[in-house]
PDB file of N, CA and C in Angstrom:
ATOM      1  N   MET A   1     -48.465 -10.749  16.501  1.00  0.00           N
ATOM      2  CA  MET A   1     -48.499 -10.948  15.209  1.00  0.00           C
ATOM      3  C   MET A   1     -47.772 -12.078  14.274  1.00  0.00           C
ATOM      4  N   LYS A   2     -48.484 -13.280  14.342  1.00  0.00           N
ATOM      5  CA  LYS A   2     -47.617 -14.458  13.587  1.00  0.00           C
ATOM      6  C   LYS A   2     -47.493 -15.140  12.614  1.00  0.00           C
ATOM      7  N   LEU A   3     -46.349 -15.425  12.089  1.00  0.00           N
ATOM      8  CA  LEU A   3     -45.872 -15.219  10.720  1.00  0.00           C
ATOM      9  C   LEU A   3     -45.666 -16.866  10.779  1.00  0.00           C
ATOM     10  N   ASP A   4     -46.860 -17.238   9.592  1.00  0.00           N
ATOM     11  CA  ASP A   4     -46.643 -18.706   9.147  1.00  0.00           C
ATOM     12  C   ASP A   4     -46.092 -18.820   7.922  1.00  0.00           C
ATOM     13  N   ILE A   5     -44.884 -19.320   7.900  1.00  0.00           N
ATOM     14  CA  ILE A   5     -43.711 -19.251   7.024  1.00  0.00           C
ATOM     15  C   ILE A   5     -43.717 -21.080   7.285  1.00  0.00           C
ATOM     16  N   SER A   6     -43.627 -21.350   6.085  1.00  0.00           N
ATOM     17  CA  SER A   6     -43.172 -23.449   5.975  1.00  0.00           C
ATOM     18  C   SER A   6     -41.607 -23.173   6.043  1.00  0.00           C
ATOM     19  N   THR A   7     -40.721 -24.380   6.519  1.00  0.00           N
ATOM     20  CA  THR A   7     -39.835 -24.286   6.193  1.00  0.00           C
ATOM     21  C   THR A   7     -39.047 -24.692   4.605  1.00  0.00           C
ATOM     22  N   ASP A   8     -39.739 -24.791   3.753  1.00  0.00           N
ATOM     23  CA  ASP A   8     -39.464 -24.574   2.773  1.00  0.00           C
ATOM     24  C   ASP A   8     -39.597 -22.946   1.837  1.00  0.00           C
ATOM     25  N   ASP A   9     -40.469 -22.835   2.764  1.00  0.00           N
ATOM     26  CA  ASP A   9     -40.309 -20.953   2.022  1.00  0.00           C
ATOM     27  C   ASP A   9     -39.490 -20.450   2.783  1.00  0.00           C
ATOM     28  N   LEU A  10     -39.007 -20.948   4.275  1.00  0.00           N
ATOM     29  CA  LEU A  10     -37.677 -20.287   4.529  1.00  0.00           C
ATOM     30  C   LEU A  10     -36.254 -20.714   3.789  1.00  0.00           C
ATOM     31  N   ARG A  11     -36.427 -21.801   3.571  1.00  0.00           N
ATOM     32  CA  ARG A  11     -35.249 -22.157   3.128  1.00  0.00           C
ATOM     33  C   ARG A  11     -35.325 -21.305   1.572  1.00  0.00           C
ATOM     34  N   ARG A  12     -36.087 -21.026   0.984  1.00  0.00           N
ATOM     35  CA  ARG A  12     -36.083 -20.311  -0.561  1.00  0.00           C
ATOM     36  C   ARG A  12     -35.783 -18.800  -0.324  1.00  0.00           C
ATOM     37  N   ALA A  13     -36.115 -18.226   0.759  1.00  0.00           N
ATOM     38  CA  ALA A  13     -36.019 -16.950   1.366  1.00  0.00           C
ATOM     39  C   ALA A  13     -34.377 -16.958   1.669  1.00  0.00           C
ATOM     40  N   ILE A  14     -33.728 -17.752   1.832  1.00  0.00           N
ATOM     41  CA  ILE A  14     -32.236 -17.778   2.444  1.00  0.00           C
ATOM     42  C   ILE A  14     -31.356 -18.264   1.158  1.00  0.00           C
ATOM     43  N   SER A  15     -31.784 -19.177   0.120  1.00  0.00           N
ATOM     44  CA  SER A  15     -31.151 -19.279  -1.166  1.00  0.00           C
ATOM     45  C   SER A  15     -31.398 -18.073  -1.726  1.00  0.00           C
ATOM     46  N   ILE A  16     -32.428 -17.069  -1.989  1.00  0.00           N
ATOM     47  CA  ILE A  16     -32.654 -15.899  -2.416  1.00  0.00           C
ATOM     48  C   ILE A  16     -31.695 -14.905  -2.135  1.00  0.00           C
ATOM     49  N   ARG A  17     -31.561 -14.996  -0.791  1.00  0.00           N
ATOM     50  CA  ARG A  17     -30.506 -13.887   0.362  1.00  0.00           C
ATOM     51  C   ARG A  17     -29.159 -14.087  -0.398  1.00  0.00           C
ATOM     52  N   GLU A  18     -28.517 -15.435  -0.217  1.00  0.00           N
ATOM     53  CA  GLU A  18     -27.444 -15.724  -0.754  1.00  0.00           C
ATOM     54  C   GLU A  18     -27.420 -15.267  -2.111  1.00  0.00           C
ATOM     55  N   GLN A  19     -28.087 -15.823  -2.766  1.00  0.00           N
ATOM     56  CA  GLN A  19     -27.670 -14.977  -4.310  1.00  0.00           C
ATOM     57  C   GLN A  19     -27.831 -13.574  -4.486  1.00  0.00           C
ATOM     58  N   ILE A  20     -28.520 -13.101  -3.711  1.00  0.00           N
ATOM     59  CA  ILE A  20     -28.287 -11.686  -3.806  1.00  0.00           C
ATOM     60  C   ILE A  20     -27.156 -10.881  -3.236  1.00  0.00           C
ATOM     61  N   GLU A  21     -26.612 -11.555  -2.335  1.00  0.00           N
ATOM     62  CA  GLU A  21     -25.067 -11.422  -1.686  1.00  0.00           C
ATOM     63  C   GLU A  21     -24.120 -11.761  -2.703  1.00  0.00           C
ATOM     64  N   VAL A  22     -24.232 -12.724  -3.811  1.00  0.00           N
ATOM     65  CA  VAL A  22     -23.279 -13.176  -4.540  1.00  0.00           C
ATOM     66  C   VAL A  22     -23.248 -12.097  -5.544  1.00  0.00           C
ATOM     67  N   LEU A  23     -24.560 -11.464  -5.978  1.00  0.00           N
ATOM     68  CA  LEU A  23     -24.534 -10.606  -7.061  1.00  0.00           C
ATOM     69  C   LEU A  23     -23.937  -9.161  -6.720  1.00  0.00           C
ATOM     70  N   GLN A  24     -24.424  -8.927  -5.400  1.00  0.00           N
ATOM     71  CA  GLN A  24     -23.906  -7.472  -4.764  1.00  0.00           C
ATOM     72  C   GLN A  24     -22.202  -7.578  -4.886  1.00  0.00           C
ATOM     73  N   ALA A  25     -22.112  -8.707  -4.304  1.00  0.00           N
ATOM     74  CA  ALA A  25     -20.477  -8.900  -4.187  1.00  0.00           C
ATOM     75  C   ALA A  25     -19.727  -8.361  -6.057  1.00  0.00           C
ATOM     76  N   GLU A  26     -20.621  -9.499  -6.822  1.00  0.00           N
ATOM     77  CA  GLU A  26     -20.055  -9.237  -8.352  1.00  0.00           C
ATOM     78  C   GLU A  26     -19.874  -7.809  -8.386  1.00  0.00           C
ATOM     79  N   LEU A  27     -21.438  -7.111  -8.460  1.00  0.00           N
ATOM     80  CA  LEU A  27     -21.661  -5.797  -8.784  1.00  0.00           C
ATOM     81  C   LEU A  27     -20.529  -4.538  -8.325  1.00  0.00           C
ATOM     82  N   ALA A  28     -20.137  -5.190  -6.794  1.00  0.00           N
ATOM     83  CA  ALA A  28     -19.097  -4.304  -6.351  1.00  0.00           C
ATOM     84  C   ALA A  28     -17.602  -4.340  -7.153  1.00  0.00           C
ATOM     85  N   GLY A  29     -17.580  -5.982  -7.541  1.00  0.00           N
ATOM     86  CA  GLY A  29     -16.197  -6.044  -7.959  1.00  0.00           C
ATOM     87  C   GLY A  29     -16.121  -5.133  -9.404  1.00  0.00           C
ATOM     88  N   LEU A  30     -17.334  -5.294  -9.792  1.00  0.00           N
ATOM     89  CA  LEU A  30     -17.498  -4.646 -11.892  1.00  0.00           C
ATOM     90  C   LEU A  30     -16.977  -3.018 -11.329  1.00  0.00           C
ATOM     91  N   LEU A  31     -17.910  -2.425 -10.363  1.00  0.00           N
ATOM     92  CA  LEU A  31     -18.070  -0.863 -10.276  1.00  0.00           C
ATOM     93  C   LEU A  31     -16.495  -0.380  -9.344  1.00  0.00           C
ATOM     94  N   ARG A  32     -16.069  -1.398  -8.806  1.00  0.00           N
ATOM     95  CA  ARG A  32     -14.403  -1.242  -8.282  1.00  0.00           C
ATOM     96  C   ARG A  32     -13.701  -0.621  -9.338  1.00  0.00           C
ATOM     97  N   GLY A  33     -13.573  -1.177 -10.513  1.00  0.00           N
ATOM     98  CA  GLY A  33     -13.056  -0.682 -11.546  1.00  0.00           C
ATOM     99  C   GLY A  33     -13.322   0.400 -12.424  1.00  0.00           C
ATOM    100  N   ALA A  34     -14.640   0.910 -12.063  1.00  0.00           N
ATOM    101  CA  ALA A  34     -15.194   2.084 -12.810  1.00  0.00           C
ATOM    102  C   ALA A  34     -14.688   3.744 -12.795  1.00  0.00           C
ATOM    103  N   GLY A  35     -13.843   3.528 -11.472  1.00  0.00           N
ATOM    104  CA  GLY A  35     -13.124   4.899 -11.222  1.00  0.00           C
ATOM    105  C   GLY A  35     -12.086   4.392 -10.085  1.00  0.00           C
ATOM    106  N   PRO A  36     -11.339   6.010  -9.851  1.00  0.00           N
ATOM    107  CA  PRO A  36     -10.316   6.054  -9.131  1.00  0.00           C
ATOM    108  C   PRO A  36     -10.561   5.399  -7.890  1.00  0.00           C
ATOM    109  N   ARG A  37      -9.933   4.393  -6.898  1.00  0.00           N
ATOM    110  CA  ARG A  37     -10.055   3.985  -5.774  1.00  0.00           C
ATOM    111  C   ARG A  37      -9.476   4.871  -4.655  1.00  0.00           C
ATOM    112  N   ARG A  38      -9.838   5.427  -3.759  1.00  0.00           N
ATOM    113  CA  ARG A  38      -9.096   6.109  -2.718  1.00  0.00           C
ATOM    114  C   ARG A  38      -8.460   5.323  -1.669  1.00  0.00           C
ATOM    115  N   GLY A  39      -7.664   5.475  -1.007  1.00  0.00           N
ATOM    116  CA  GLY A  39      -7.152   4.813   0.326  1.00  0.00           C
ATOM    117  C   GLY A  39      -6.517   3.370  -0.165  1.00  0.00           C
ATOM    118  N   ARG A  40      -6.729   2.605   1.012  1.00  0.00           N
ATOM    119  CA  ARG A  40      -5.982   1.331   1.375  1.00  0.00           C
ATOM    120  C   ARG A  40      -7.033   0.065   0.346  1.00  0.00           C
ATOM    121  N   PRO A  41      -6.306  -0.954  -0.594  1.00  0.00           N
ATOM    122  CA  PRO A  41      -6.833  -1.941  -1.424  1.00  0.00           C
ATOM    123  C   PRO A  41      -7.713  -2.776  -0.081  1.00  0.00           C
ATOM    124  N   PRO A  42      -8.770  -3.535  -0.429  1.00  0.00           N
ATOM    125  CA  PRO A  42      -9.574  -4.078   0.445  1.00  0.00           C
ATOM    126  C   PRO A  42      -8.689  -5.066   0.507  1.00  0.00           C
ATOM    127  N   LEU A  43      -8.459  -5.923   1.509  1.00  0.00           N
ATOM    128  CA  LEU A  43      -7.988  -7.350   2.413  1.00  0.00           C
ATOM    129  C   LEU A  43      -7.953  -8.181   0.822  1.00  0.00           C
ATOM    130  N   ALA A  44      -9.113  -8.323   0.222  1.00  0.00           N
ATOM    131  CA  ALA A  44      -9.061  -9.598  -0.746  1.00  0.00           C
ATOM    132  C   ALA A  44      -8.274  -9.134  -1.789  1.00  0.00           C
ATOM    133  N   LEU A  45      -7.812  -8.029  -2.184  1.00  0.00           N
ATOM    134  CA  LEU A  45      -6.983  -7.647  -3.765  1.00  0.00           C
ATOM    135  C   LEU A  45      -5.843  -7.768  -2.871  1.00  0.00           C
ATOM    136  N   SER A  46      -5.338  -7.520  -2.043  1.00  0.00           N
ATOM    137  CA  SER A  46      -4.016  -7.922  -1.314  1.00  0.00           C
ATOM    138  C   SER A  46      -3.478  -9.026  -1.217  1.00  0.00           C
ATOM    139  N   ARG A  47      -4.214  -9.798  -0.936  1.00  0.00           N
ATOM    140  CA  ARG A  47      -4.051 -11.335  -0.932  1.00  0.00           C
ATOM    141  C   ARG A  47      -3.908 -12.274  -1.975  1.00  0.00           C
ATOM    142  N   ALA A  48      -4.864 -11.431  -2.898  1.00  0.00           N
ATOM    143  CA  ALA A  48      -4.689 -11.718  -4.430  1.00  0.00           C
ATOM    144  C   ALA A  48      -3.596 -11.925  -5.207  1.00  0.00           C
ATOM    145  N   SER A  49      -2.944 -10.565  -4.926  1.00  0.00           N
ATOM    146  CA  SER A  49      -1.173 -10.316  -5.673  1.00  0.00           C
ATOM    147  C   SER A  49      -0.171 -11.160  -4.742  1.00  0.00           C
ATOM    148  N   LYS A  50       0.664 -11.903  -5.836  1.00  0.00           N
ATOM    149  CA  LYS A  50       1.565 -12.471  -5.515  1.00  0.00           C
ATOM    150  C   LYS A  50       2.683 -11.704  -4.540  1.00  0.00           C
ATOM    151  N   PRO A  51       2.937 -12.090  -3.315  1.00  0.00           N
ATOM    152  CA  PRO A  51       4.344 -11.259  -2.726  1.00  0.00           C
ATOM    153  C   PRO A  51       5.450 -10.946  -3.426  1.00  0.00           C
ATOM    154  N   LYS A  52       5.586  -9.821  -3.420  1.00  0.00           N
ATOM    155  CA  LYS A  52       7.496  -9.254  -4.064  1.00  0.00           C
ATOM    156  C   LYS A  52       8.036 -10.008  -3.422  1.00  0.00           C
ATOM    157  N   ALA A  53       9.188 -10.120  -4.380  1.00  0.00           N
ATOM    158  CA  ALA A  53      10.222 -10.950  -4.069  1.00  0.00           C
ATOM    159  C   ALA A  53      10.766  -9.967  -3.596  1.00  0.00           C
ATOM    160  N   LYS A  54      11.873 -10.693  -2.189  1.00  0.00           N
ATOM    161  CA  LYS A  54      12.606  -9.486  -1.276  1.00  0.00           C
ATOM    162  C   LYS A  54      13.725  -9.242  -2.295  1.00  0.00           C
ATOM    163  N   ARG A  55      14.005  -8.041  -2.502  1.00  0.00           N
ATOM    164  CA  ARG A  55      15.184  -7.494  -3.205  1.00  0.00           C
ATOM    165  C   ARG A  55      16.524  -7.262  -2.455  1.00  0.00           C
ATOM    166  N   ASN A  56      17.761  -8.120  -2.893  1.00  0.00           N
ATOM    167  CA  ASN A  56      18.951  -7.927  -2.028  1.00  0.00           C
ATOM    168  C   ASN A  56      20.000  -7.236  -3.159  1.00  0.00           C
ATOM    169  N   ILE A  57      21.058  -6.622  -2.489  1.00  0.00           N
ATOM    170  CA  ILE A  57      21.876  -5.456  -3.054  1.00  0.00           C
ATOM    171  C   ILE A  57      23.217  -6.535  -3.263  1.00  0.00           C
ATOM    172  N   SER A  58      23.891  -6.386  -3.982  1.00  0.00           N
ATOM    173  CA  SER A  58      24.878  -7.109  -4.029  1.00  0.00           C
ATOM    174  C   SER A  58      25.973  -6.350  -3.179  1.00  0.00           C
ATOM    175  N   PRO A  59      27.237  -6.883  -2.786  1.00  0.00           N
ATOM    176  CA  PRO A  59      28.104  -5.853  -1.491  1.00  0.00           C
ATOM    177  C   PRO A  59      28.556  -4.606  -2.449  1.00  0.00           C
ATOM    178  N   GLU A  60      28.846  -4.965  -3.678  1.00  0.00           N
ATOM    179  CA  GLU A  60      29.435  -4.169  -4.536  1.00  0.00           C
ATOM    180  C   GLU A  60      28.663  -2.800  -4.215  1.00  0.00           C
ATOM    181  N   GLY A  61      26.991  -3.125  -4.555  1.00  0.00           N
ATOM    182  CA  GLY A  61      26.090  -1.920  -4.684  1.00  0.00           C
ATOM    183  C   GLY A  61      25.980  -1.024  -3.369  1.00  0.00           C
ATOM    184  N   ARG A  62      26.665  -1.898  -2.100  1.00  0.00           N
ATOM    185  CA  ARG A  62      26.133  -1.336  -1.074  1.00  0.00           C
ATOM    186  C   ARG A  62      27.404  -0.581  -0.617  1.00  0.00           C
ATOM    187  N   ALA A  63      28.631  -0.990  -1.143  1.00  0.00           N
ATOM    188  CA  ALA A  63      29.686  -0.101  -1.031  1.00  0.00           C
ATOM    189  C   ALA A  63      29.779   1.285  -1.941  1.00  0.00           C
ATOM    190  N   ARG A  64      29.030   1.045  -3.232  1.00  0.00           N
ATOM    191  CA  ARG A  64      29.006   2.290  -3.568  1.00  0.00           C
ATOM    192  C   ARG A  64      28.160   3.181  -3.318  1.00  0.00           C
ATOM    193  N   ILE A  65      26.933   2.941  -2.606  1.00  0.00           N
ATOM    194  CA  ILE A  65      25.982   3.423  -1.790  1.00  0.00           C
ATOM    195  C   ILE A  65      27.164   4.316  -0.662  1.00  0.00           C
ATOM    196  N   ALA A  66      27.415   3.423  -0.001  1.00  0.00           N
ATOM    197  CA  ALA A  66      28.378   3.934   1.425  1.00  0.00           C
ATOM    198  C   ALA A  66      29.134   4.968   0.873  1.00  0.00           C
ATOM    199  N   GLU A  67      30.128   4.614  -0.024  1.00  0.00           N
ATOM    200  CA  GLU A  67      30.787   5.496  -0.731  1.00  0.00           C
ATOM    201  C   GLU A  67      30.346   6.922  -1.327  1.00  0.00           C
ATOM    202  N   ALA A  68      29.490   7.021  -1.740  1.00  0.00           N
ATOM    203  CA  ALA A  68      28.294   8.230  -2.037  1.00  0.00           C
ATOM    204  C   ALA A  68      27.957   8.769  -0.898  1.00  0.00           C
ATOM    205  N   ALA A  69      27.664   8.186   0.000  1.00  0.00           N
ATOM    206  CA  ALA A  69      27.197   9.052   1.267  1.00  0.00           C
ATOM    207  C   ALA A  69      28.275   9.496   2.028  1.00  0.00           C
ATOM    208  N   LYS A  70      29.413   8.910   2.095  1.00  0.00           N
ATOM    209  CA  LYS A  70      30.509   9.717   2.795  1.00  0.00           C
ATOM    210  C   LYS A  70      31.018  10.670   1.949  1.00  0.00           C
ATOM    211  N   ARG A  71      31.006  10.851   0.621  1.00  0.00           N
ATOM    212  CA  ARG A  71      31.152  12.162  -0.119  1.00  0.00           C
ATOM    213  C   ARG A  71      30.527  12.943   0.219  1.00  0.00           C
ATOM    214  N   ARG A  72      28.895  12.572   0.136  1.00  0.00           N
ATOM    215  CA  ARG A  72      27.941  13.899   0.462  1.00  0.00           C
ATOM    216  C   ARG A  72      28.409  14.367   1.645  1.00  0.00           C
ATOM    217  N   TRP A  73      28.634  13.725   3.007  1.00  0.00           N
ATOM    218  CA  TRP A  73      28.831  14.115   4.289  1.00  0.00           C
ATOM    219  C   TRP A  73      30.042  14.745   4.231  1.00  0.00           C
ATOM    220  N   ALA A  74      30.997  14.419   3.452  1.00  0.00           N
ATOM    221  CA  ALA A  74      32.542  15.511   3.488  1.00  0.00           C
ATOM    222  C   ALA A  74      32.388  16.760   2.867  1.00  0.00           C
ATOM    223  N   LEU A  75      31.448  16.640   1.848  1.00  0.00           N
ATOM    224  CA  LEU A  75      31.008  17.806   0.984  1.00  0.00           C
ATOM    225  C   LEU A  75      30.215  18.935   2.051  1.00  0.00           C
ATOM    226  N   GLU A  76      29.435  18.340   2.980  1.00  0.00           N
ATOM    227  CA  GLU A  76      28.620  18.987   3.640  1.00  0.00           C
ATOM    228  C   GLU A  76      29.457  19.387   4.827  1.00  0.00           C
ATOM    229  N   ARG A  77      30.032  18.717   5.462  1.00  0.00           N
ATOM    230  CA  ARG A  77      31.296  19.147   6.312  1.00  0.00           C
ATOM    231  C   ARG A  77      31.926  20.505   5.699  1.00  0.00           C
ATOM    232  N   ALA A  78      32.556  20.271   4.776  1.00  0.00           N
ATOM    233  CA  ALA A  78      33.289  21.135   3.909  1.00  0.00           C
ATOM    234  C   ALA A  78      32.637  22.660   3.677  1.00  0.00           C
ATOM    235  N   ASN A  79      31.512  22.508   3.516  1.00  0.00           N
ATOM    236  CA  ASN A  79      30.698  23.568   3.027  1.00  0.00           C
ATOM    237  C   ASN A  79      30.485  24.515   4.538  1.00  0.00           C
ATOM    238  N   LYS A  80      30.222  23.502   5.835  1.00  0.00           N
ATOM    239  CA  LYS A  80      30.052  24.205   6.984  1.00  0.00           C
ATOM    240  C   LYS A  80      31.366  25.112   7.490  1.00  0.00           C
ATOM    241  N   GLU A  81      32.516  24.225   7.392  1.00  0.00           N
ATOM    242  CA  GLU A  81      33.678  24.721   7.789  1.00  0.00           C
ATOM    243  C   GLU A  81      34.199  26.106   6.927  1.00  0.00           C
ATOM    244  N   LYS A  82      33.674  26.126   5.471  1.00  0.00           N
ATOM    245  CA  LYS A  82      34.029  27.367   4.553  1.00  0.00           C
ATOM    246  C   LYS A  82      32.822  28.392   5.393  1.00  0.00           C
ATOM    247  N   ALA A  83      31.743  27.942   5.658  1.00  0.00           N
ATOM    248  CA  ALA A  83      30.712  29.185   5.884  1.00  0.00           C
ATOM    249  C   ALA A  83      31.369  29.595   7.194  1.00  0.00           C
ATOM    250  N   ALA A  84      32.066  28.695   8.080  1.00  0.00           N
ATOM    251  CA  ALA A  84      32.254  29.370   9.678  1.00  0.00           C
ATOM    252  C   ALA A  84      33.411  30.371   9.264  1.00  0.00           C
ATOM    253  N   LYS A  85      34.566  29.957   8.474  1.00  0.00           N
ATOM    254  CA  LYS A  85      35.584  30.631   8.397  1.00  0.00           C
ATOM    255  C   LYS A  85      35.105  32.129   7.489  1.00  0.00           C
ATOM    256  N   THR A  86      34.000  32.018   6.882  1.00  0.00           N
ATOM    257  CA  THR A  86      33.878  33.398   6.348  1.00  0.00           C
ATOM    258  C   THR A  86      33.092  33.959   7.635  1.00  0.00           C
ATOM    259  N   GLU A  87      32.754  33.705   8.136  1.00  0.00           N
ATOM    260  CA  GLU A  87      31.754  34.266   9.201  1.00  0.00           C
ATOM    261  C   GLU A  87      32.911  34.761  10.403  1.00  0.00           C
ATOM    262  N   LYS A  88      33.928  34.463  10.409  1.00  0.00           N
ATOM    263  CA  LYS A  88      35.303  34.905  11.187  1.00  0.00           C
ATOM    264  C   LYS A  88      35.922  35.882  10.475  1.00  0.00           C
ATOM    265  N   LYS A  89      35.469  35.892   9.128  1.00  0.00           N
ATOM    266  CA  LYS A  89      36.507  36.869   8.420  1.00  0.00           C
ATOM    267  C   LYS A  89      35.532  38.079   8.505  1.00  0.00           C
ATOM    268  N   ALA A  90      33.757  38.064   8.729  1.00  0.00           N
ATOM    269  CA  ALA A  90      33.303  39.232   8.367  1.00  0.00           C
ATOM    270  C   ALA A  90      33.183  39.795   9.668  1.00  0.00           C
ATOM    271  N   LYS A  91      33.589  39.074  10.994  1.00  0.00           N
ATOM    272  CA  LYS A  91      33.532  39.967  12.213  1.00  0.00           C
ATOM    273  C   LYS A  91      34.590  40.937  12.574  1.00  0.00           C
TER     274      LYS A  91
END
């Protein structure tokens, strides 16, 4: 079975196919906002958003965080020691 298609018809078919693809992409973009999307965003959307600026913490802020961590661990150690003493007295 031989198809007799002229080059003009073939070019027209390719043009229509490209238009369909453009319209399908546009439709997908419209429908994407229609409901909640699950999973990772498409690569095109992630590239469209500008990259987040790196957040720097000041030395004072870092010192406050370190001090709070030391206090938490000191409290944890004190609670463990208190529990160990209580266990010894119970025996």
